[in-house]
Protein backbone atom coordinates (compact mmCIF):
# COMPACT_ATOMS: atom_id res chain seq x y z
CA MET A 1 0.00 0.00 0.00
CA LEU A 2 1.31 3.42 -0.92
CA GLY A 3 0.27 7.02 -0.52
CA ARG A 4 0.09 9.17 -3.66
CA ARG A 5 3.44 10.93 -3.22
CA THR A 6 5.30 7.66 -2.59
CA TYR A 7 3.55 6.07 -5.57
CA GLU A 8 4.61 8.97 -7.79
CA LEU A 9 8.23 8.50 -6.67
CA PHE A 10 8.28 4.69 -6.75
CA ALA A 11 6.43 3.98 -10.02
CA PRO A 12 8.93 5.52 -12.44
CA ALA A 13 11.93 4.32 -10.42
CA TRP A 14 10.91 0.70 -9.76
CA SER A 15 9.03 -0.03 -12.98
CA ARG A 16 12.28 0.24 -14.95
CA ARG A 17 14.30 -2.01 -12.61
CA THR A 18 14.92 -5.69 -13.15
CA ALA A 19 16.08 -8.38 -10.75
CA GLU A 20 19.58 -7.91 -12.18
CA ASP A 21 19.45 -4.20 -11.22
CA ASP A 22 18.01 -4.80 -7.76
CA PRO A 23 16.92 -8.04 -6.07
CA GLY A 24 13.85 -6.22 -4.69
CA ALA A 25 12.54 -5.33 -8.16
CA PRO A 26 10.37 -8.45 -8.67
CA PHE A 27 8.63 -7.87 -5.31
CA MET A 28 8.01 -4.21 -6.04
CA ASN A 29 6.89 -4.74 -9.63
CA GLU A 30 4.86 -7.94 -9.33
CA SER A 31 3.10 -7.47 -5.98
CA PRO A 32 -0.37 -5.93 -5.97
CA LYS A 33 -0.14 -2.25 -5.10
CA TYR A 34 -2.97 -0.25 -3.53
CA ILE A 35 -2.66 3.52 -3.73
CA VAL A 36 -4.48 5.56 -1.10
CA SER A 37 -5.24 9.01 -2.50
CA PRO A 38 -8.25 11.31 -2.72
CA THR A 39 -6.83 12.95 -5.87
CA LEU A 40 -5.17 10.22 -7.94
CA THR A 41 -7.57 8.58 -10.36
CA ASP A 42 -5.30 6.37 -12.46
CA ALA A 43 -2.26 4.21 -11.74
CA ASP A 44 -0.41 2.55 -14.59
CA TRP A 45 2.37 0.75 -12.71
CA ASN A 46 1.95 -3.03 -12.96
CA SER A 47 -0.70 -4.44 -10.57
CA SER A 48 -1.67 -1.02 -9.16
CA THR A 49 -5.14 -0.07 -7.96
CA VAL A 50 -6.26 3.31 -6.69
CA VAL A 51 -8.46 2.76 -3.62
CA GLY A 52 -9.43 6.40 -3.10
CA ALA A 53 -9.23 8.59 -0.03
CA TYR A 54 -8.02 7.20 3.28
CA SER A 55 -10.66 5.20 5.11
CA ALA A 56 -9.87 3.07 8.15
CA ASP A 57 -12.80 0.79 7.28
CA ALA A 58 -11.58 0.33 3.70
CA ILE A 59 -8.09 -0.57 4.94
CA ARG A 60 -9.53 -3.04 7.47
CA ALA A 61 -11.50 -4.66 4.65
CA LEU A 62 -8.40 -4.78 2.42
CA LYS A 63 -6.39 -6.44 5.21
CA GLU A 64 -9.16 -9.03 5.73
CA ARG A 65 -9.39 -10.00 2.06
CA THR A 66 -5.63 -10.02 1.43
CA ASP A 67 -3.82 -13.32 1.64
CA GLY A 68 -0.64 -12.48 3.54
CA ASN A 69 0.64 -9.18 4.84
CA VAL A 70 -0.15 -5.68 3.68
CA TYR A 71 3.14 -3.83 3.39
CA VAL A 72 3.46 -0.03 3.41
CA SER A 73 6.70 1.58 2.29
CA GLY A 74 7.38 5.22 3.08
CA SER A 75 4.03 7.01 2.87
CA GLY A 76 4.37 8.89 6.15
CA THR A 77 0.91 10.49 6.01
CA LEU A 78 -0.69 7.10 5.41
CA VAL A 79 1.33 5.40 8.16
CA ARG A 80 0.50 8.15 10.68
CA ALA A 81 -3.22 7.72 9.93
CA MET A 82 -2.97 3.93 10.20
CA LEU A 83 -1.11 4.20 13.52
CA ALA A 84 -3.80 6.53 14.88
CA ASP A 85 -6.51 4.05 13.83
CA GLY A 86 -4.74 1.00 15.25
CA LEU A 87 -4.17 -0.56 11.83
CA VAL A 88 -0.42 -1.21 12.12
CA ASP A 89 0.44 -4.75 13.18
CA GLU A 90 4.19 -4.36 12.83
CA LEU A 91 6.46 -1.36 12.36
CA HIS A 92 9.83 -1.67 10.63
CA LEU A 93 12.18 1.25 11.19
CA PHE A 94 15.52 1.71 9.49
CA VAL A 95 17.79 4.00 11.48
CA TYR A 96 20.69 5.49 9.51
CA PRO A 97 23.85 6.89 11.13
CA VAL A 98 23.26 10.36 9.70
CA THR A 99 21.05 13.31 10.62
CA ARG A 100 19.13 15.51 8.23
CA GLY A 101 18.32 18.23 10.72
CA SER A 102 14.83 18.72 9.30
CA GLY A 103 12.06 16.86 7.57
CA SER A 104 8.87 14.99 8.27
CA ARG A 105 8.52 13.11 11.53
CA LEU A 106 6.83 9.75 11.84
CA PHE A 107 5.26 10.75 15.14
CA ALA A 108 4.10 14.33 14.75
CA ASP A 109 3.62 16.79 17.59
CA GLY A 110 0.26 16.19 19.19
CA SER A 111 0.12 12.52 18.18
CA PRO A 112 -1.46 10.28 20.80
CA ALA A 113 0.98 8.33 22.94
CA ALA A 114 1.69 4.82 21.71
CA ARG A 115 3.63 1.92 23.19
CA PHE A 116 5.54 -0.66 21.18
CA THR A 117 7.42 -3.85 21.95
CA LEU A 118 10.70 -4.59 20.21
CA LYS A 119 10.32 -7.78 18.19
CA GLY A 120 13.68 -7.80 16.45
CA ALA A 121 16.83 -5.81 15.74
CA GLU A 122 19.44 -6.23 13.06
CA THR A 123 22.59 -4.22 12.40
CA TYR A 124 23.97 -3.96 8.88
CA GLU A 125 27.66 -3.56 8.03
CA ASN A 126 27.10 0.09 7.06
CA GLY A 127 25.77 0.90 10.55
CA VAL A 128 22.08 0.96 9.62
CA LEU A 129 19.75 -0.55 12.21
CA HIS A 130 16.59 -2.42 11.21
CA LEU A 131 14.21 -2.38 14.16
CA THR A 132 10.93 -4.29 14.19
CA TYR A 133 8.23 -3.27 16.65
CA ARG A 134 4.74 -4.52 17.45
CA PRO A 135 2.11 -2.45 19.23
CA ALA A 136 2.28 -3.25 22.95
CA ASP A 137 -0.75 -4.99 24.41
């Protein structure tokens, strides 16, 4: 699942990649993609469907009828809405050893408090951390 801005960045970049270019290309290009957007009406990247404006009920229904996991990449606005509505089962964060100094925050000021339990942690050779969290019970 992608928000409109992420879709508009990913579609031209990933649709041209092959497995030889990037081992993630088959997943990105062949998996069904659902774009959440009140303004986008057409999506031409392979296996893409525009689902319309954000609706917690529509996402619940999509999760119920999907065989397997629903994966969201990037799409901060979408993820923030899903977190607020309790629709995130697992959160994967990649922490890079660099600071930008500015930019969007995953947890915006005024967001409700949330508790998570660390499910897994992995450190890559370049210093990047992959942290997996589940909402705490």
